[in-house]
Amino acid sequence: MTLFKTGLLSLGTILLGASIVAAPVRAGDIVLTVEEPAASSAYSGVANLRGWAVGSAGIDRVELYVDGAFATNVPVGGLRGDVGAQYPGYPGSRNAGFSMAFNYSNLSAGQHAIRVRAVDRENAGR
C-alpha cells in the first residue's frame, strides 16, 4: 500500500507528499512492482501510475484501490522485454507492463492510501 497527500500531492507507500514501494513484492508466485508514483515525490494534476506484474498462472488484471475502496482496473499488457528476460517461465511476462493516467486533483487535500493489486488467472491476488 502506498500513502500519499493531495493538494501538494505527495506520495508515500502513497503519501501524496510521501513515498511508494518500488521493490518487487512477492505473493506466492505473483511478483508486482510499482514504478510510478515515485517514493517521496509530490503529485498534483494528472500523473502516470505504472509498473509490472507477473505470475506463474499469468496475470488476469491489476486493480487500483484508493483509501481502501476499489477505484478501477489498470490496463495491463505493455511490452516489457526486461521483465520477460527476468521471468521467462511466467506466461505473458514480455507483456507484463501496466500503466494509466491518474488524476490526483480528483482527491481531497490530505493524506490518502493507494494500493495496487495483481490478480492471476486462478483468482489469487497480491
Protein backbone atom coordinates (compact mmCIF):
# COMPACT_ATOMS: atom_id res chain seq x y z
CA MET A 1 0.00 0.00 0.00
CA THR A 2 1.19 3.49 -0.74
CA LEU A 3 0.27 6.59 1.22
CA PHE A 4 0.15 9.99 -0.37
CA LYS A 5 -1.03 13.51 0.29
CA THR A 6 -3.10 15.57 -2.16
CA GLY A 7 -3.12 19.28 -2.62
CA LEU A 8 0.62 19.28 -2.77
CA LEU A 9 0.02 15.71 -3.73
CA SER A 10 2.82 13.87 -2.22
CA LEU A 11 3.33 10.23 -2.49
CA GLY A 12 4.24 7.73 0.10
CA THR A 13 3.52 3.93 0.40
CA ILE A 14 1.20 6.66 -1.47
CA LEU A 15 1.83 9.69 0.79
CA LEU A 16 0.75 12.31 -1.70
CA GLY A 17 3.56 14.07 -0.30
CA ALA A 18 5.30 10.86 0.81
CA SER A 19 6.61 7.55 -0.65
CA ILE A 20 5.79 4.40 -2.62
CA VAL A 21 7.25 0.91 -2.67
CA ALA A 22 9.41 0.40 -5.72
CA ALA A 23 10.88 -3.01 -4.91
CA PRO A 24 9.16 -6.15 -6.19
CA VAL A 25 6.55 -7.61 -3.85
CA ARG A 26 6.05 -11.39 -3.97
CA ALA A 27 2.90 -13.27 -3.03
CA GLY A 28 3.20 -16.94 -3.72
CA ASP A 29 4.28 -16.83 -7.34
CA ILE A 30 3.00 -13.33 -8.22
CA VAL A 31 5.60 -10.57 -8.46
CA LEU A 32 4.36 -6.95 -8.54
CA THR A 33 6.44 -3.79 -8.91
CA VAL A 34 5.04 -0.23 -8.91
CA GLU A 35 7.48 2.11 -10.67
CA GLU A 36 5.41 5.29 -10.53
CA PRO A 37 4.43 7.16 -8.48
CA ALA A 38 7.92 7.56 -7.07
CA ALA A 39 8.62 7.46 -3.36
CA SER A 40 8.82 10.80 -1.55
CA SER A 41 7.56 12.78 -4.54
CA ALA A 42 4.83 15.39 -4.77
CA TYR A 43 1.93 14.98 -7.22
CA SER A 44 -0.85 17.20 -8.46
CA GLY A 45 -2.97 17.11 -11.57
CA VAL A 46 -2.62 14.09 -13.84
CA ALA A 47 0.37 11.76 -13.48
CA ASN A 48 1.28 8.26 -14.58
CA LEU A 49 0.70 5.14 -12.48
CA ARG A 50 2.80 2.29 -13.87
CA GLY A 51 4.72 -0.86 -13.14
CA TRP A 52 4.66 -4.55 -13.97
CA ALA A 53 3.26 -7.83 -12.66
CA VAL A 54 3.92 -11.49 -13.45
CA GLY A 55 2.67 -14.78 -12.05
CA SER A 56 3.15 -18.45 -12.88
CA ALA A 57 -0.58 -18.71 -13.70
CA GLY A 58 -0.47 -15.49 -15.76
CA ILE A 59 -1.92 -12.14 -14.73
CA ASP A 60 -5.65 -11.58 -15.24
CA ARG A 61 -5.87 -7.98 -14.03
CA VAL A 62 -4.30 -5.22 -11.97
CA GLU A 63 -6.59 -3.36 -9.57
CA LEU A 64 -6.24 0.12 -8.07
CA TYR A 65 -7.63 0.93 -4.60
CA VAL A 66 -7.77 4.43 -3.12
CA ASP A 67 -8.32 4.72 0.64
CA GLY A 68 -9.34 1.05 0.78
CA ALA A 69 -12.04 1.31 -1.91
CA PHE A 70 -11.74 -0.24 -5.36
CA ALA A 71 -11.25 2.56 -7.91
CA THR A 72 -10.59 0.86 -11.26
CA ASN A 73 -8.69 -1.80 -13.13
CA VAL A 74 -5.36 -0.63 -14.55
CA PRO A 75 -4.69 -1.57 -18.20
CA VAL A 76 -2.20 -4.45 -18.45
CA GLY A 77 -0.24 -5.73 -21.44
CA GLY A 78 2.55 -3.22 -22.06
CA LEU A 79 5.69 -4.60 -23.67
CA ARG A 80 8.38 -5.27 -21.03
CA GLY A 81 11.28 -7.16 -22.58
CA ASP A 82 13.32 -6.66 -19.40
CA VAL A 83 10.67 -8.43 -17.31
CA GLY A 84 10.26 -11.17 -19.93
CA ALA A 85 14.01 -11.84 -19.81
CA GLN A 86 13.99 -11.96 -16.00
CA TYR A 87 10.86 -14.18 -15.74
CA PRO A 88 10.89 -16.29 -18.94
CA GLY A 89 8.84 -19.11 -17.37
CA TYR A 90 5.92 -16.84 -16.45
CA PRO A 91 3.10 -16.62 -19.04
CA GLY A 92 2.89 -13.21 -20.69
CA SER A 93 5.98 -11.88 -18.93
CA ARG A 94 7.10 -9.94 -22.04
CA ASN A 95 3.77 -8.05 -21.86
CA ALA A 96 3.71 -7.58 -18.07
CA GLY A 97 3.56 -3.79 -18.02
CA PHE A 98 0.62 -1.85 -16.62
CA SER A 99 0.01 1.86 -16.90
CA MET A 100 -2.65 4.54 -16.66
CA ALA A 101 -3.03 8.27 -16.15
CA PHE A 102 -4.25 9.09 -12.65
CA ASN A 103 -5.83 12.44 -11.76
CA TYR A 104 -4.64 13.28 -8.26
CA SER A 105 -6.68 16.51 -8.40
CA ASN A 106 -9.85 14.44 -8.01
CA LEU A 107 -8.80 13.60 -4.44
CA SER A 108 -9.36 15.84 -1.47
CA ALA A 109 -6.34 17.59 0.02
CA GLY A 110 -4.58 15.50 2.66
CA GLN A 111 -3.21 12.00 3.03
CA HIS A 112 -4.60 9.09 1.05
CA ALA A 113 -3.63 5.44 0.62
CA ILE A 114 -3.23 3.82 -2.80
CA ARG A 115 -2.94 0.08 -3.21
CA VAL A 116 -2.12 -1.71 -6.46
CA ARG A 117 -3.11 -5.39 -6.53
CA ALA A 118 -2.33 -8.01 -9.21
CA VAL A 119 -4.74 -10.93 -9.64
CA ASP A 120 -3.69 -14.04 -11.54
CA ARG A 121 -5.80 -16.26 -13.80
CA GLU A 122 -6.53 -18.56 -10.84
CA ASN A 123 -8.00 -15.57 -8.95
CA ALA A 124 -5.16 -15.41 -6.45
CA GLY A 125 -4.05 -11.87 -5.68
CA ARG A 126 -1.18 -9.84 -4.31
